[in-house]
């Protein structure tokens, strides 16, 4: 970023509007990919190594996700993290 520049990227932490939208989108994508693979969200949680309560928080979009959690969920759904975040099933 150039010296003196004040622009910054939106925060994906906490309850900023960007964070809430991101979490909601990822939650919807998890549900969509799980359904397409005939897996329940709880089965996805088990495959990803997450507890049922943690997966419930993710499903309800009430918590931030770590990069590791995104990776674990993507792996459980056999998609890339990019696909999980974007919702696009087709690769690059």
Protein backbone atom coordinates (compact mmCIF):
# COMPACT_ATOMS: atom_id res chain seq x y z
CA UNK A 1 0.00 0.00 0.00
CA UNK A 2 1.44 3.44 -0.90
CA UNK A 3 2.70 5.62 1.95
CA UNK A 4 -0.05 7.78 3.36
CA UNK A 5 -2.79 5.57 1.95
CA UNK A 6 -5.69 5.09 4.32
CA UNK A 7 -7.66 2.45 2.44
CA UNK A 8 -7.83 -0.92 4.07
CA UNK A 9 -9.43 -4.25 3.42
CA UNK A 10 -12.73 -5.01 5.13
CA UNK A 11 -12.44 -6.95 8.35
CA UNK A 12 -13.72 -10.53 8.39
CA UNK A 13 -13.50 -10.70 12.17
CA UNK A 14 -16.18 -9.93 14.70
CA UNK A 15 -19.60 -8.76 13.63
CA UNK A 16 -18.77 -6.36 10.82
CA UNK A 17 -21.27 -6.51 7.94
CA UNK A 18 -18.57 -8.06 5.73
CA UNK A 19 -17.86 -10.76 8.31
CA UNK A 20 -21.52 -11.63 8.73
CA UNK A 21 -22.01 -11.86 4.95
CA UNK A 22 -18.90 -14.03 4.58
CA UNK A 23 -19.93 -16.42 7.35
CA UNK A 24 -23.48 -16.68 5.97
CA UNK A 25 -22.19 -17.39 2.46
CA UNK A 26 -19.79 -20.08 3.65
CA UNK A 27 -22.55 -21.66 5.75
CA UNK A 28 -24.88 -21.74 2.73
CA UNK A 29 -22.12 -23.21 0.57
CA UNK A 30 -21.42 -25.93 3.15
CA UNK A 31 -25.10 -26.88 3.12
CA UNK A 32 -25.25 -26.87 -0.67
CA UNK A 33 -22.10 -28.95 -1.17
CA UNK A 34 -23.11 -31.37 1.61
CA UNK A 35 -26.53 -31.85 0.03
CA UNK A 36 -24.99 -32.40 -3.41
CA UNK A 37 -22.89 -35.17 -1.87
CA UNK A 38 -25.74 -36.67 0.16
CA UNK A 39 -24.00 -35.83 3.44
CA UNK A 40 -25.56 -34.27 6.50
CA UNK A 41 -23.86 -31.32 8.10
CA UNK A 42 -23.14 -33.52 11.11
CA UNK A 43 -21.44 -36.06 8.85
CA UNK A 44 -19.38 -33.23 7.37
CA UNK A 45 -18.43 -32.19 10.92
CA UNK A 46 -17.32 -35.73 11.75
CA UNK A 47 -15.31 -36.04 8.52
CA UNK A 48 -13.71 -32.65 9.17
CA UNK A 49 -12.86 -33.54 12.77
CA UNK A 50 -15.11 -30.84 14.23
CA UNK A 51 -17.46 -31.20 17.17
CA UNK A 52 -21.20 -31.06 16.59
CA UNK A 53 -21.45 -27.84 18.61
CA UNK A 54 -18.66 -26.17 16.61
CA UNK A 55 -20.31 -27.19 13.33
CA UNK A 56 -23.63 -25.88 14.63
CA UNK A 57 -22.02 -22.49 15.33
CA UNK A 58 -20.56 -22.49 11.80
CA UNK A 59 -23.91 -23.50 10.30
CA UNK A 60 -25.64 -20.65 12.13
CA UNK A 61 -22.92 -18.21 11.00
CA UNK A 62 -22.45 -17.05 14.58
CA UNK A 63 -18.71 -17.54 14.76
CA UNK A 64 -15.61 -16.79 12.73
CA UNK A 65 -13.88 -19.66 10.97
CA UNK A 66 -10.18 -20.29 10.99
CA UNK A 67 -8.28 -21.09 7.84
CA UNK A 68 -7.68 -24.56 9.24
CA UNK A 69 -11.42 -25.12 9.76
CA UNK A 70 -12.16 -23.96 6.22
CA UNK A 71 -9.52 -26.38 4.94
CA UNK A 72 -10.86 -29.28 7.01
CA UNK A 73 -14.45 -28.68 5.89
CA UNK A 74 -13.41 -28.27 2.25
CA UNK A 75 -11.48 -31.53 2.43
CA UNK A 76 -14.49 -33.31 3.99
CA UNK A 77 -16.63 -32.07 1.09
CA UNK A 78 -13.96 -32.83 -1.54
CA UNK A 79 -13.82 -29.23 -2.75
CA UNK A 80 -11.12 -26.56 -2.59
CA UNK A 81 -11.24 -23.76 -0.04
CA UNK A 82 -11.79 -21.36 -2.96
CA UNK A 83 -14.81 -23.39 -4.05
CA UNK A 84 -16.14 -23.51 -0.48
CA UNK A 85 -15.85 -19.74 -0.14
CA UNK A 86 -17.08 -18.82 -3.63
CA UNK A 87 -19.73 -21.51 -3.96
CA UNK A 88 -18.51 -22.39 -7.44
CA UNK A 89 -18.21 -26.10 -8.15
CA UNK A 90 -16.03 -25.67 -11.22
CA UNK A 91 -12.28 -25.45 -10.76
CA UNK A 92 -10.02 -22.71 -12.09
